[in-house]
Amino acid sequence: MNHDHPSNETSFWRSRSGWVFLGFAAIAAFFLLSEHRAHVLGALPFVLLALCPLLHIFGHGGHGGGGGSDNAKRGGGHEH
């Protein structure tokens, strides 16, 4: 049985209220960034420093799951 019924409802983001909300959000974002640019740019070096360990933990999978030679993966290599 096919229970798919066509929907005449539009999504919130395509309605007039959605467009008004997006307009106000864009204006608010513009003024927040223009007024607080010094704070955001001042924190940028610290954000970059914080991203380095996060990249090593999540980006590389830690130091235990790294790659090695095929011989070491099969058990023929030396162990650490």
N, C-alpha and C. Protein backbone atom coordinates (compact mmCIF):
# COMPACT_ATOMS: atom_id res chain seq x y z
N MET A 1 0.82 -1.17 0.00
CA MET A 1 0.00 0.00 0.00
C MET A 1 0.87 1.24 0.00
N ASN A 2 0.46 2.20 -0.73
CA ASN A 2 1.20 3.45 -0.81
C ASN A 2 0.46 4.50 0.02
N HIS A 3 1.12 4.98 1.08
CA HIS A 3 0.51 5.97 1.96
C HIS A 3 1.08 7.36 1.77
N ASP A 4 1.76 7.59 0.66
CA ASP A 4 2.33 8.91 0.40
C ASP A 4 1.22 9.86 -0.07
N HIS A 5 1.06 10.93 0.65
CA HIS A 5 0.07 11.93 0.28
C HIS A 5 0.81 13.21 -0.09
N PRO A 6 0.42 13.86 -1.16
CA PRO A 6 1.10 15.11 -1.49
C PRO A 6 0.81 16.17 -0.43
N SER A 7 1.84 16.90 -0.08
CA SER A 7 1.71 17.90 0.96
C SER A 7 1.70 19.28 0.33
N ASN A 8 0.70 20.07 0.70
CA ASN A 8 0.61 21.44 0.19
C ASN A 8 1.30 22.43 1.11
N GLU A 9 1.84 21.95 2.23
CA GLU A 9 2.50 22.83 3.18
C GLU A 9 3.90 23.17 2.69
N THR A 10 4.28 24.42 2.84
CA THR A 10 5.64 24.82 2.52
C THR A 10 6.46 24.78 3.80
N SER A 11 7.75 24.63 3.66
CA SER A 11 8.61 24.59 4.84
C SER A 11 8.69 25.98 5.47
N PHE A 12 9.11 26.01 6.71
CA PHE A 12 9.23 27.28 7.42
C PHE A 12 10.18 28.23 6.71
N TRP A 13 11.28 27.71 6.21
CA TRP A 13 12.32 28.55 5.60
C TRP A 13 11.86 29.16 4.28
N ARG A 14 10.85 28.59 3.64
CA ARG A 14 10.34 29.15 2.39
C ARG A 14 9.11 30.02 2.61
N SER A 15 8.64 30.10 3.83
CA SER A 15 7.49 30.94 4.13
C SER A 15 7.94 32.39 4.34
N ARG A 16 6.98 33.28 4.43
CA ARG A 16 7.30 34.69 4.65
C ARG A 16 7.98 34.88 6.00
N SER A 17 7.52 34.15 7.01
CA SER A 17 8.13 34.25 8.34
C SER A 17 9.58 33.78 8.33
N GLY A 18 9.85 32.75 7.57
CA GLY A 18 11.22 32.25 7.47
C GLY A 18 12.15 33.26 6.82
N TRP A 19 11.66 33.91 5.75
CA TRP A 19 12.48 34.92 5.08
C TRP A 19 12.73 36.12 5.98
N VAL A 20 11.73 36.52 6.76
CA VAL A 20 11.90 37.64 7.68
C VAL A 20 12.91 37.27 8.76
N PHE A 21 12.80 36.05 9.27
CA PHE A 21 13.76 35.60 10.28
C PHE A 21 15.18 35.59 9.73
N LEU A 22 15.35 35.07 8.52
CA LEU A 22 16.69 35.04 7.91
C LEU A 22 17.23 36.44 7.69
N GLY A 23 16.37 37.38 7.31
CA GLY A 23 16.81 38.76 7.13
C GLY A 23 17.29 39.38 8.44
N PHE A 24 16.49 39.20 9.51
CA PHE A 24 16.90 39.73 10.81
C PHE A 24 18.17 39.04 11.31
N ALA A 25 18.30 37.74 11.08
CA ALA A 25 19.51 37.02 11.51
C ALA A 25 20.74 37.53 10.75
N ALA A 26 20.59 37.81 9.46
CA ALA A 26 21.72 38.33 8.68
C ALA A 26 22.13 39.71 9.16
N ILE A 27 21.15 40.56 9.45
CA ILE A 27 21.45 41.90 9.95
C ILE A 27 22.13 41.83 11.32
N ALA A 28 21.61 40.96 12.19
CA ALA A 28 22.21 40.80 13.52
C ALA A 28 23.63 40.26 13.42
N ALA A 29 23.86 39.30 12.54
CA ALA A 29 25.21 38.75 12.37
C ALA A 29 26.17 39.82 11.85
N PHE A 30 25.71 40.64 10.93
CA PHE A 30 26.56 41.71 10.40
C PHE A 30 26.99 42.66 11.51
N PHE A 31 26.02 43.13 12.31
CA PHE A 31 26.37 44.08 13.37
C PHE A 31 27.19 43.45 14.47
N LEU A 32 26.93 42.19 14.80
CA LEU A 32 27.75 41.52 15.81
C LEU A 32 29.19 41.40 15.34
N LEU A 33 29.38 40.99 14.10
CA LEU A 33 30.75 40.84 13.60
C LEU A 33 31.44 42.19 13.43
N SER A 34 30.71 43.20 12.98
CA SER A 34 31.36 44.50 12.79
C SER A 34 31.72 45.17 14.12
N GLU A 35 30.89 45.00 15.13
CA GLU A 35 31.16 45.62 16.42
C GLU A 35 32.15 44.84 17.27
N HIS A 36 32.25 43.55 17.06
CA HIS A 36 33.09 42.71 17.91
C HIS A 36 34.25 42.09 17.13
N ARG A 37 34.63 42.73 16.03
CA ARG A 37 35.71 42.20 15.20
C ARG A 37 37.03 42.10 15.98
N ALA A 38 37.32 43.07 16.84
CA ALA A 38 38.57 43.06 17.61
C ALA A 38 38.60 41.88 18.57
N HIS A 39 37.45 41.56 19.16
CA HIS A 39 37.40 40.43 20.09
C HIS A 39 37.59 39.11 19.35
N VAL A 40 36.93 38.99 18.21
CA VAL A 40 37.02 37.74 17.44
C VAL A 40 38.43 37.54 16.91
N LEU A 41 39.01 38.59 16.34
CA LEU A 41 40.37 38.46 15.80
C LEU A 41 41.40 38.31 16.91
N GLY A 42 41.13 38.88 18.09
CA GLY A 42 42.05 38.72 19.21
C GLY A 42 42.07 37.30 19.75
N ALA A 43 40.96 36.59 19.63
CA ALA A 43 40.88 35.22 20.12
C ALA A 43 41.36 34.21 19.07
N LEU A 44 41.57 34.64 17.85
CA LEU A 44 41.93 33.72 16.77
C LEU A 44 43.21 32.93 17.04
N PRO A 45 44.31 33.53 17.55
CA PRO A 45 45.50 32.71 17.83
C PRO A 45 45.24 31.61 18.87
N PHE A 46 44.42 31.91 19.86
CA PHE A 46 44.12 30.90 20.88
C PHE A 46 43.25 29.78 20.31
N VAL A 47 42.37 30.13 19.40
CA VAL A 47 41.54 29.11 18.75
C VAL A 47 42.42 28.20 17.90
N LEU A 48 43.37 28.77 17.19
CA LEU A 48 44.28 27.95 16.39
C LEU A 48 45.13 27.03 17.26
N LEU A 49 45.59 27.55 18.41
CA LEU A 49 46.35 26.70 19.33
C LEU A 49 45.49 25.58 19.91
N ALA A 50 44.23 25.86 20.17
CA ALA A 50 43.34 24.84 20.70
C ALA A 50 43.01 23.79 19.65
N LEU A 51 43.01 24.18 18.38
CA LEU A 51 42.69 23.23 17.32
C LEU A 51 43.81 22.22 17.08
N CYS A 52 45.05 22.57 17.40
CA CYS A 52 46.17 21.66 17.16
C CYS A 52 46.01 20.33 17.92
N PRO A 53 45.81 20.35 19.25
CA PRO A 53 45.63 19.05 19.92
C PRO A 53 44.34 18.34 19.50
N LEU A 54 43.30 19.11 19.20
CA LEU A 54 42.06 18.47 18.76
C LEU A 54 42.25 17.76 17.42
N LEU A 55 43.05 18.35 16.54
CA LEU A 55 43.34 17.70 15.27
C LEU A 55 44.10 16.40 15.48
N HIS A 56 45.05 16.41 16.39
CA HIS A 56 45.82 15.20 16.66
C HIS A 56 44.96 14.11 17.27
N ILE A 57 44.03 14.50 18.12
CA ILE A 57 43.18 13.49 18.77
C ILE A 57 42.14 12.95 17.81
N PHE A 58 41.41 13.84 17.15
CA PHE A 58 40.30 13.41 16.32
C PHE A 58 40.67 13.24 14.85
N GLY A 59 41.61 14.02 14.35
CA GLY A 59 41.97 13.95 12.95
C GLY A 59 42.86 12.78 12.61
N HIS A 60 43.83 12.49 13.48
CA HIS A 60 44.76 11.41 13.23
C HIS A 60 44.34 10.12 13.91
N GLY A 61 43.31 10.14 14.72
CA GLY A 61 42.88 8.93 15.41
C GLY A 61 43.76 8.59 16.59
N GLY A 62 44.46 9.55 17.16
CA GLY A 62 45.36 9.28 18.27
C GLY A 62 46.66 8.70 17.76
N HIS A 63 47.53 8.32 18.68
CA HIS A 63 48.82 7.77 18.28
C HIS A 63 48.84 6.25 18.31
N GLY A 64 47.78 5.61 18.81
CA GLY A 64 47.78 4.16 18.87
C GLY A 64 47.30 3.51 17.60
N GLY A 65 46.55 4.20 16.77
CA GLY A 65 45.97 3.57 15.59
C GLY A 65 46.65 3.97 14.31
N GLY A 66 47.87 4.46 14.41
CA GLY A 66 48.57 4.93 13.21
C GLY A 66 48.99 3.78 12.32
N GLY A 67 49.37 4.15 11.14
CA GLY A 67 49.78 3.15 10.16
C GLY A 67 51.21 2.68 10.43
N GLY A 68 51.55 1.63 9.81
CA GLY A 68 52.90 1.09 9.89
C GLY A 68 53.16 0.30 8.63
N SER A 69 54.23 -0.43 8.63
CA SER A 69 54.50 -1.24 7.46
C SER A 69 53.56 -2.45 7.45
N ASP A 70 53.38 -3.03 6.30
CA ASP A 70 52.50 -4.20 6.20
C ASP A 70 53.05 -5.37 7.01
N ASN A 71 54.36 -5.46 7.10
CA ASN A 71 54.99 -6.53 7.86
C ASN A 71 54.66 -6.39 9.35
N ALA A 72 54.67 -5.17 9.85
CA ALA A 72 54.37 -4.95 11.27
C ALA A 72 52.90 -5.22 11.55
N LYS A 73 52.01 -4.96 10.59
CA LYS A 73 50.59 -5.19 10.81
C LYS A 73 50.27 -6.68 10.87
N ARG A 74 51.05 -7.51 10.18
CA ARG A 74 50.80 -8.96 10.19
C ARG A 74 51.47 -9.65 11.36
N GLY A 75 52.19 -8.91 12.16
CA GLY A 75 52.83 -9.53 13.33
C GLY A 75 54.28 -9.89 13.09
N GLY A 76 54.82 -9.62 11.93
CA GLY A 76 56.18 -9.98 11.64
C GLY A 76 57.19 -8.94 12.05
N GLY A 77 56.71 -7.75 12.39
CA GLY A 77 57.62 -6.66 12.76
C GLY A 77 57.84 -6.62 14.25
N HIS A 78 58.65 -5.67 14.69
CA HIS A 78 58.90 -5.51 16.11
C HIS A 78 57.76 -4.77 16.77
N GLU A 79 57.55 -5.03 18.05
CA GLU A 79 56.48 -4.39 18.78
C GLU A 79 57.04 -3.27 19.63
N HIS A 80 56.22 -2.27 19.92
CA HIS A 80 56.66 -1.16 20.76
C HIS A 80 56.32 -1.42 22.19
